[in-house]
Amino acid sequence: MSEAGELISGINHQFIQPVNSLKLMITTLQMLERDGNLDKQTLNEILKGGESSVCLLSDTIEIFRNFYKTSENINKFSVAKSVKNLLMLMHTELSRVNVKVILVNSSDVIVTQKDNIIQQILLILIHNAKDAVVEKFENINKREI
């Protein structure tokens, strides 16, 4: 339950930035329109930025949904993508204690397994590593996994 709470906190943080960006874009569009300064190029640029923010929100929801689904099916999946998705979900938790994760071997491996179980195992390993480096290093510059 504690892990779920921390992940939900991370998801919340992941949502705040794109939602705030969308709000700012909408306000900018309204002001430009009101003042008669909204040209087609500016409109297209702001709309593309909005699309990017919506994609980030959608991706975050999909990653979180896949993480907690209880499928018993064995699938082929990318280990690198699973690790990157997990790090995205854990970003807030790791940042809060100044822990940096460095992926040394970024070559991708495709495995056949229950991907959500692998992600949950990786979550526990990264969480334990985070706790260990926080305990061991008071100097935040040395907190690396």
N, C-alpha and C. Protein backbone atom coordinates (compact mmCIF):
# COMPACT_ATOMS: atom_id res chain seq x y z
N MET A 1 0.82 -1.19 0.00
CA MET A 1 0.00 0.00 0.00
C MET A 1 0.87 1.26 0.00
N SER A 2 1.98 1.18 0.73
CA SER A 2 2.89 2.33 0.78
C SER A 2 3.45 2.62 -0.60
N GLU A 3 3.87 1.56 -1.31
CA GLU A 3 4.40 1.73 -2.66
C GLU A 3 3.35 2.35 -3.58
N ALA A 4 2.11 1.88 -3.47
CA ALA A 4 1.02 2.42 -4.30
C ALA A 4 0.83 3.89 -4.01
N GLY A 5 0.87 4.26 -2.73
CA GLY A 5 0.71 5.66 -2.35
C GLY A 5 1.81 6.53 -2.92
N GLU A 6 3.04 6.04 -2.89
CA GLU A 6 4.16 6.80 -3.43
C GLU A 6 4.04 6.94 -4.95
N LEU A 7 3.59 5.87 -5.62
CA LEU A 7 3.40 5.95 -7.07
C LEU A 7 2.27 6.91 -7.42
N ILE A 8 1.20 6.90 -6.66
CA ILE A 8 0.10 7.82 -6.92
C ILE A 8 0.57 9.26 -6.73
N SER A 9 1.40 9.48 -5.72
CA SER A 9 1.97 10.81 -5.52
C SER A 9 2.82 11.22 -6.72
N GLY A 10 3.58 10.27 -7.26
CA GLY A 10 4.38 10.54 -8.45
C GLY A 10 3.53 10.84 -9.66
N ILE A 11 2.44 10.10 -9.81
CA ILE A 11 1.51 10.33 -10.92
C ILE A 11 0.92 11.74 -10.81
N ASN A 12 0.52 12.10 -9.60
CA ASN A 12 -0.03 13.42 -9.36
C ASN A 12 0.96 14.50 -9.81
N HIS A 13 2.22 14.33 -9.44
CA HIS A 13 3.25 15.29 -9.83
C HIS A 13 3.41 15.33 -11.36
N GLN A 14 3.37 14.15 -11.99
CA GLN A 14 3.50 14.07 -13.45
C GLN A 14 2.35 14.79 -14.14
N PHE A 15 1.18 14.84 -13.50
CA PHE A 15 0.01 15.49 -14.10
C PHE A 15 0.05 17.01 -13.95
N ILE A 16 0.58 17.50 -12.87
CA ILE A 16 0.53 18.93 -12.58
C ILE A 16 1.18 19.76 -13.68
N GLN A 17 2.37 19.38 -14.11
CA GLN A 17 3.10 20.18 -15.10
C GLN A 17 2.37 20.28 -16.43
N PRO A 18 1.93 19.17 -17.05
CA PRO A 18 1.22 19.32 -18.32
C PRO A 18 -0.13 20.02 -18.18
N VAL A 19 -0.82 19.82 -17.07
CA VAL A 19 -2.10 20.51 -16.87
C VAL A 19 -1.87 22.01 -16.75
N ASN A 20 -0.85 22.39 -15.99
CA ASN A 20 -0.53 23.82 -15.88
C ASN A 20 -0.11 24.40 -17.23
N SER A 21 0.63 23.63 -18.01
CA SER A 21 1.02 24.08 -19.35
C SER A 21 -0.20 24.30 -20.23
N LEU A 22 -1.14 23.35 -20.19
CA LEU A 22 -2.37 23.50 -20.97
C LEU A 22 -3.15 24.73 -20.55
N LYS A 23 -3.25 24.96 -19.26
CA LYS A 23 -3.96 26.13 -18.76
C LYS A 23 -3.30 27.42 -19.26
N LEU A 24 -1.98 27.47 -19.22
CA LEU A 24 -1.25 28.64 -19.70
C LEU A 24 -1.45 28.83 -21.20
N MET A 25 -1.44 27.76 -21.96
CA MET A 25 -1.65 27.85 -23.41
C MET A 25 -3.05 28.38 -23.72
N ILE A 26 -4.05 27.88 -23.02
CA ILE A 26 -5.42 28.34 -23.25
C ILE A 26 -5.55 29.82 -22.91
N THR A 27 -4.98 30.23 -21.79
CA THR A 27 -5.02 31.64 -21.39
C THR A 27 -4.31 32.51 -22.42
N THR A 28 -3.18 32.03 -22.91
CA THR A 28 -2.43 32.79 -23.93
C THR A 28 -3.26 32.93 -25.20
N LEU A 29 -3.89 31.85 -25.64
CA LEU A 29 -4.75 31.91 -26.83
C LEU A 29 -5.88 32.91 -26.63
N GLN A 30 -6.51 32.88 -25.47
CA GLN A 30 -7.61 33.81 -25.20
C GLN A 30 -7.14 35.25 -25.23
N MET A 31 -6.00 35.53 -24.64
CA MET A 31 -5.47 36.90 -24.62
C MET A 31 -5.09 37.37 -26.02
N LEU A 32 -4.42 36.50 -26.77
CA LEU A 32 -4.03 36.87 -28.13
C LEU A 32 -5.25 37.13 -29.01
N GLU A 33 -6.27 36.29 -28.86
CA GLU A 33 -7.51 36.46 -29.61
C GLU A 33 -8.21 37.76 -29.23
N ARG A 34 -8.30 38.01 -27.94
CA ARG A 34 -8.96 39.23 -27.45
C ARG A 34 -8.26 40.49 -27.97
N ASP A 35 -6.93 40.46 -28.01
CA ASP A 35 -6.16 41.62 -28.46
C ASP A 35 -6.00 41.69 -29.97
N GLY A 36 -6.51 40.68 -30.68
CA GLY A 36 -6.40 40.66 -32.14
C GLY A 36 -5.01 40.33 -32.64
N ASN A 37 -4.21 39.64 -31.82
CA ASN A 37 -2.82 39.32 -32.18
C ASN A 37 -2.60 37.84 -32.46
N LEU A 38 -3.66 37.09 -32.67
CA LEU A 38 -3.52 35.66 -32.88
C LEU A 38 -3.40 35.35 -34.36
N ASP A 39 -2.17 35.03 -34.78
CA ASP A 39 -1.97 34.66 -36.18
C ASP A 39 -1.94 33.14 -36.29
N LYS A 40 -2.02 32.65 -37.51
CA LYS A 40 -2.12 31.21 -37.76
C LYS A 40 -0.90 30.45 -37.24
N GLN A 41 0.30 31.00 -37.43
CA GLN A 41 1.53 30.33 -36.99
C GLN A 41 1.55 30.18 -35.46
N THR A 42 1.20 31.24 -34.75
CA THR A 42 1.18 31.19 -33.29
C THR A 42 0.14 30.18 -32.81
N LEU A 43 -1.02 30.20 -33.45
CA LEU A 43 -2.08 29.25 -33.10
C LEU A 43 -1.58 27.82 -33.27
N ASN A 44 -0.94 27.52 -34.40
CA ASN A 44 -0.43 26.17 -34.65
C ASN A 44 0.64 25.76 -33.64
N GLU A 45 1.54 26.69 -33.28
CA GLU A 45 2.59 26.39 -32.31
C GLU A 45 2.01 26.07 -30.94
N ILE A 46 1.03 26.85 -30.53
CA ILE A 46 0.41 26.63 -29.22
C ILE A 46 -0.38 25.32 -29.23
N LEU A 47 -1.07 25.04 -30.32
CA LEU A 47 -1.82 23.79 -30.42
C LEU A 47 -0.91 22.57 -30.39
N LYS A 48 0.27 22.66 -31.03
CA LYS A 48 1.23 21.55 -30.99
C LYS A 48 1.74 21.33 -29.57
N GLY A 49 1.99 22.43 -28.86
CA GLY A 49 2.40 22.32 -27.45
C GLY A 49 1.32 21.66 -26.62
N GLY A 50 0.07 22.02 -26.88
CA GLY A 50 -1.06 21.41 -26.18
C GLY A 50 -1.15 19.93 -26.46
N GLU A 51 -0.93 19.55 -27.71
CA GLU A 51 -0.95 18.14 -28.08
C GLU A 51 0.12 17.36 -27.31
N SER A 52 1.30 17.94 -27.20
CA SER A 52 2.39 17.28 -26.46
C SER A 52 2.02 17.08 -25.00
N SER A 53 1.39 18.08 -24.40
CA SER A 53 0.97 17.97 -23.00
C SER A 53 -0.07 16.88 -22.83
N VAL A 54 -1.03 16.80 -23.74
CA VAL A 54 -2.06 15.78 -23.67
C VAL A 54 -1.45 14.39 -23.86
N CYS A 55 -0.48 14.25 -24.76
CA CYS A 55 0.19 12.96 -24.97
C CYS A 55 0.93 12.52 -23.70
N LEU A 56 1.58 13.46 -23.03
CA LEU A 56 2.28 13.13 -21.79
C LEU A 56 1.29 12.63 -20.73
N LEU A 57 0.15 13.30 -20.61
CA LEU A 57 -0.87 12.85 -19.67
C LEU A 57 -1.37 11.45 -20.02
N SER A 58 -1.64 11.24 -21.28
CA SER A 58 -2.14 9.94 -21.75
C SER A 58 -1.12 8.83 -21.50
N ASP A 59 0.14 9.11 -21.82
CA ASP A 59 1.20 8.11 -21.60
C ASP A 59 1.32 7.75 -20.12
N THR A 60 1.25 8.76 -19.27
CA THR A 60 1.36 8.52 -17.83
C THR A 60 0.22 7.63 -17.33
N ILE A 61 -1.00 7.91 -17.79
CA ILE A 61 -2.15 7.10 -17.40
C ILE A 61 -1.97 5.66 -17.88
N GLU A 62 -1.51 5.48 -19.11
CA GLU A 62 -1.34 4.14 -19.67
C GLU A 62 -0.26 3.35 -18.91
N ILE A 63 0.84 4.01 -18.58
CA ILE A 63 1.91 3.34 -17.83
C ILE A 63 1.39 2.89 -16.47
N PHE A 64 0.67 3.77 -15.79
CA PHE A 64 0.14 3.45 -14.47
C PHE A 64 -0.88 2.32 -14.57
N ARG A 65 -1.74 2.37 -15.56
CA ARG A 65 -2.76 1.32 -15.74
C ARG A 65 -2.09 -0.03 -15.97
N ASN A 66 -1.09 -0.07 -16.82
CA ASN A 66 -0.40 -1.32 -17.11
C ASN A 66 0.37 -1.85 -15.91
N PHE A 67 0.87 -0.93 -15.09
CA PHE A 67 1.66 -1.35 -13.93
C PHE A 67 0.82 -2.15 -12.94
N TYR A 68 -0.43 -1.76 -12.75
CA TYR A 68 -1.26 -2.41 -11.75
C TYR A 68 -2.26 -3.41 -12.30
N LYS A 69 -2.26 -3.65 -13.60
CA LYS A 69 -3.20 -4.65 -14.09
C LYS A 69 -2.75 -6.04 -13.62
N THR A 70 -3.70 -6.88 -13.34
CA THR A 70 -3.39 -8.19 -12.78
C THR A 70 -3.58 -9.28 -13.82
N SER A 71 -2.90 -9.12 -14.92
CA SER A 71 -3.01 -10.09 -16.00
C SER A 71 -2.12 -11.30 -15.70
N GLU A 72 -2.64 -12.45 -15.97
CA GLU A 72 -1.85 -13.67 -15.81
C GLU A 72 -1.24 -14.10 -17.14
N ASN A 73 -1.46 -13.30 -18.18
CA ASN A 73 -0.93 -13.63 -19.50
C ASN A 73 0.56 -13.35 -19.57
N ILE A 74 1.24 -14.21 -20.25
CA ILE A 74 2.67 -14.03 -20.48
C ILE A 74 2.81 -13.35 -21.83
N ASN A 75 3.56 -12.24 -21.86
CA ASN A 75 3.71 -11.45 -23.07
C ASN A 75 5.18 -11.18 -23.35
N LYS A 76 5.46 -10.80 -24.58
CA LYS A 76 6.78 -10.29 -24.93
C LYS A 76 6.76 -8.79 -24.65
N PHE A 77 7.84 -8.31 -24.03
CA PHE A 77 7.93 -6.88 -23.76
C PHE A 77 9.39 -6.45 -23.65
N SER A 78 9.59 -5.17 -23.77
CA SER A 78 10.91 -4.57 -23.71
C SER A 78 11.28 -4.27 -22.26
N VAL A 79 12.40 -4.81 -21.81
CA VAL A 79 12.87 -4.55 -20.45
C VAL A 79 13.27 -3.08 -20.32
N ALA A 80 13.93 -2.53 -21.32
CA ALA A 80 14.35 -1.12 -21.26
C ALA A 80 13.14 -0.20 -21.14
N LYS A 81 12.10 -0.49 -21.91
CA LYS A 81 10.89 0.35 -21.84
C LYS A 81 10.23 0.21 -20.47
N SER A 82 10.21 -0.98 -19.92
CA SER A 82 9.64 -1.19 -18.58
C SER A 82 10.40 -0.39 -17.53
N VAL A 83 11.73 -0.42 -17.61
CA VAL A 83 12.55 0.33 -16.65
C VAL A 83 12.31 1.83 -16.82
N LYS A 84 12.29 2.32 -18.05
CA LYS A 84 12.06 3.75 -18.27
C LYS A 84 10.67 4.17 -17.79
N ASN A 85 9.66 3.36 -18.04
CA ASN A 85 8.32 3.66 -17.55
C ASN A 85 8.29 3.72 -16.03
N LEU A 86 8.94 2.77 -15.40
CA LEU A 86 8.99 2.72 -13.95
C LEU A 86 9.71 3.94 -13.39
N LEU A 87 10.82 4.33 -14.01
CA LEU A 87 11.55 5.51 -13.55
C LEU A 87 10.73 6.78 -13.72
N MET A 88 9.91 6.82 -14.75
CA MET A 88 9.02 7.97 -14.94
C MET A 88 8.01 8.04 -13.79
N LEU A 89 7.47 6.89 -13.41
CA LEU A 89 6.51 6.86 -12.31
C LEU A 89 7.17 7.19 -10.98
N MET A 90 8.45 6.82 -10.82
CA MET A 90 9.16 7.03 -9.55
C MET A 90 9.92 8.34 -9.50
N HIS A 91 9.85 9.13 -10.55
CA HIS A 91 10.65 10.35 -10.66
C HIS A 91 10.51 11.25 -9.43
N THR A 92 9.29 11.50 -8.99
CA THR A 92 9.07 12.38 -7.85
C THR A 92 9.68 11.82 -6.58
N GLU A 93 9.45 10.54 -6.34
CA GLU A 93 9.98 9.90 -5.15
C GLU A 93 11.52 9.97 -5.12
N LEU A 94 12.15 9.71 -6.26
CA LEU A 94 13.61 9.74 -6.34
C LEU A 94 14.14 11.17 -6.22
N SER A 95 13.46 12.11 -6.87
CA SER A 95 13.89 13.51 -6.83
C SER A 95 13.80 14.07 -5.42
N ARG A 96 12.77 13.68 -4.70
CA ARG A 96 12.54 14.20 -3.35
C ARG A 96 13.74 13.94 -2.43
N VAL A 97 14.45 12.83 -2.65
CA VAL A 97 15.60 12.50 -1.81
C VAL A 97 16.92 12.61 -2.58
N ASN A 98 16.86 13.29 -3.73
CA ASN A 98 18.06 13.55 -4.55
C ASN A 98 18.80 12.29 -4.98
N VAL A 99 18.07 11.29 -5.43
CA VAL A 99 18.68 10.06 -5.93
C VAL A 99 18.59 10.07 -7.45
N LYS A 100 19.73 9.85 -8.07
CA LYS A 100 19.83 9.84 -9.53
C LYS A 100 20.00 8.40 -10.00
N VAL A 101 19.26 8.00 -11.03
CA VAL A 101 19.39 6.65 -11.59
C VAL A 101 20.09 6.77 -12.93
N ILE A 102 21.17 6.02 -13.09
CA ILE A 102 21.94 6.04 -14.33
C ILE A 102 21.81 4.66 -14.98
N LEU A 103 21.30 4.66 -16.20
CA LEU A 103 21.19 3.40 -16.94
C LEU A 103 22.47 3.20 -17.73
N VAL A 104 23.28 2.25 -17.30
CA VAL A 104 24.59 2.01 -17.91
C VAL A 104 24.44 1.25 -19.22
N ASN A 105 23.75 0.14 -19.18
CA ASN A 105 23.59 -0.67 -20.38
C ASN A 105 22.18 -0.44 -20.91
N SER A 106 22.08 0.40 -21.92
CA SER A 106 20.75 0.74 -22.41
C SER A 106 20.32 -0.13 -23.59
N SER A 107 21.08 -1.21 -23.88
CA SER A 107 20.65 -2.08 -24.96
C SER A 107 19.34 -2.75 -24.55
N ASP A 108 18.46 -2.88 -25.50
CA ASP A 108 17.14 -3.40 -25.21
C ASP A 108 17.11 -4.92 -25.30
N VAL A 109 16.38 -5.52 -24.39
CA VAL A 109 16.19 -6.96 -24.37
C VAL A 109 14.68 -7.20 -24.37
N ILE A 110 14.24 -8.07 -25.25
CA ILE A 110 12.85 -8.45 -25.29
C ILE A 110 12.72 -9.78 -24.56
N VAL A 111 11.84 -9.84 -23.56
CA VAL A 111 11.65 -11.06 -22.79
C VAL A 111 10.19 -11.49 -22.87
N THR A 112 9.98 -12.75 -22.56
CA THR A 112 8.62 -13.28 -22.50
C THR A 112 8.34 -13.63 -21.05
N GLN A 113 7.41 -12.88 -20.46
CA GLN A 113 7.11 -13.04 -19.04
C GLN A 113 5.87 -12.20 -18.72
N LYS A 114 5.43 -12.23 -17.49
CA LYS A 114 4.35 -11.37 -17.03
C LYS A 114 4.97 -10.00 -16.74
N ASP A 115 4.77 -9.05 -17.65
CA ASP A 115 5.48 -7.78 -17.55
C ASP A 115 5.16 -6.99 -16.29
N ASN A 116 3.92 -7.05 -15.79
CA ASN A 116 3.61 -6.29 -14.58
C ASN A 116 4.32 -6.86 -13.36
N ILE A 117 4.55 -8.18 -13.33
CA ILE A 117 5.28 -8.79 -12.22
C ILE A 117 6.74 -8.34 -12.26
N ILE A 118 7.33 -8.30 -13.44
CA ILE A 118 8.72 -7.84 -13.58
C ILE A 118 8.82 -6.39 -13.12
N GLN A 119 7.86 -5.55 -13.51
CA GLN A 119 7.89 -4.14 -13.09
C GLN A 119 7.76 -4.02 -11.58
N GLN A 120 6.94 -4.83 -10.97
CA GLN A 120 6.79 -4.75 -9.52
C GLN A 120 8.05 -5.21 -8.81
N ILE A 121 8.74 -6.20 -9.37
CA ILE A 121 10.03 -6.62 -8.81
C ILE A 121 11.06 -5.50 -8.96
N LEU A 122 11.10 -4.89 -10.14
CA LEU A 122 12.03 -3.77 -10.36
C LEU A 122 11.72 -2.60 -9.42
N LEU A 123 10.44 -2.34 -9.19
CA LEU A 123 10.03 -1.28 -8.27
C LEU A 123 10.62 -1.52 -6.89
N ILE A 124 10.51 -2.74 -6.41
CA ILE A 124 11.04 -3.07 -5.08
C ILE A 124 12.56 -2.93 -5.06
N LEU A 125 13.22 -3.40 -6.11
CA LEU A 125 14.69 -3.29 -6.16
C LEU A 125 15.16 -1.83 -6.18
N ILE A 126 14.50 -1.01 -7.00
CA ILE A 126 14.89 0.41 -7.07
C ILE A 126 14.56 1.11 -5.76
N HIS A 127 13.42 0.80 -5.19
CA HIS A 127 13.05 1.40 -3.90
C HIS A 127 14.06 1.04 -2.82
N ASN A 128 14.47 -0.24 -2.76
CA ASN A 128 15.46 -0.66 -1.77
C ASN A 128 16.82 0.01 -2.03
N ALA A 129 17.20 0.12 -3.29
CA ALA A 129 18.46 0.79 -3.63
C ALA A 129 18.41 2.26 -3.24
N LYS A 130 17.27 2.90 -3.48
CA LYS A 130 17.09 4.31 -3.08
C LYS A 130 17.28 4.45 -1.58
N ASP A 131 16.60 3.61 -0.81
CA ASP A 131 16.72 3.67 0.65
C ASP A 131 18.16 3.47 1.09
N ALA A 132 18.87 2.55 0.44
CA ALA A 132 20.26 2.26 0.82
C ALA A 132 21.18 3.44 0.54
N VAL A 133 21.06 4.09 -0.62
CA VAL A 133 21.97 5.21 -0.91
C VAL A 133 21.62 6.43 -0.07
N VAL A 134 20.35 6.62 0.26
CA VAL A 134 19.97 7.74 1.12
C VAL A 134 20.57 7.54 2.51
N GLU A 135 20.51 6.29 3.00
CA GLU A 135 21.06 5.98 4.31
C GLU A 135 22.58 6.08 4.32
N LYS A 136 23.21 5.65 3.24
CA LYS A 136 24.68 5.59 3.20
C LYS A 136 25.33 6.95 2.93
N PHE A 137 24.72 7.76 2.07
CA PHE A 137 25.35 9.01 1.63
C PHE A 137 24.57 10.24 2.09
N GLU A 138 25.17 10.96 3.03
CA GLU A 138 24.57 12.24 3.40
C GLU A 138 24.81 13.26 2.30
N ASN A 139 25.94 13.11 1.59
CA ASN A 139 26.25 13.99 0.46
C ASN A 139 25.34 13.62 -0.71
N ILE A 140 24.43 14.52 -1.07
CA ILE A 140 23.45 14.20 -2.11
C ILE A 140 24.07 14.02 -3.48
N ASN A 141 25.28 14.50 -3.70
CA ASN A 141 25.94 14.33 -5.00
C ASN A 141 26.38 12.88 -5.25
N LYS A 142 26.42 12.07 -4.21
CA LYS A 142 26.84 10.68 -4.35
C LYS A 142 25.67 9.71 -4.41
N ARG A 143 24.48 10.23 -4.36
CA ARG A 143 23.29 9.37 -4.35
C ARG A 143 22.91 8.94 -5.76
N GLU A 144 23.55 7.87 -6.19
CA GLU A 144 23.30 7.35 -7.54
C GLU A 144 23.03 5.86 -7.49
N ILE A 145 22.10 5.46 -8.34
CA ILE A 145 21.83 4.03 -8.51
C ILE A 145 22.25 3.70 -9.93
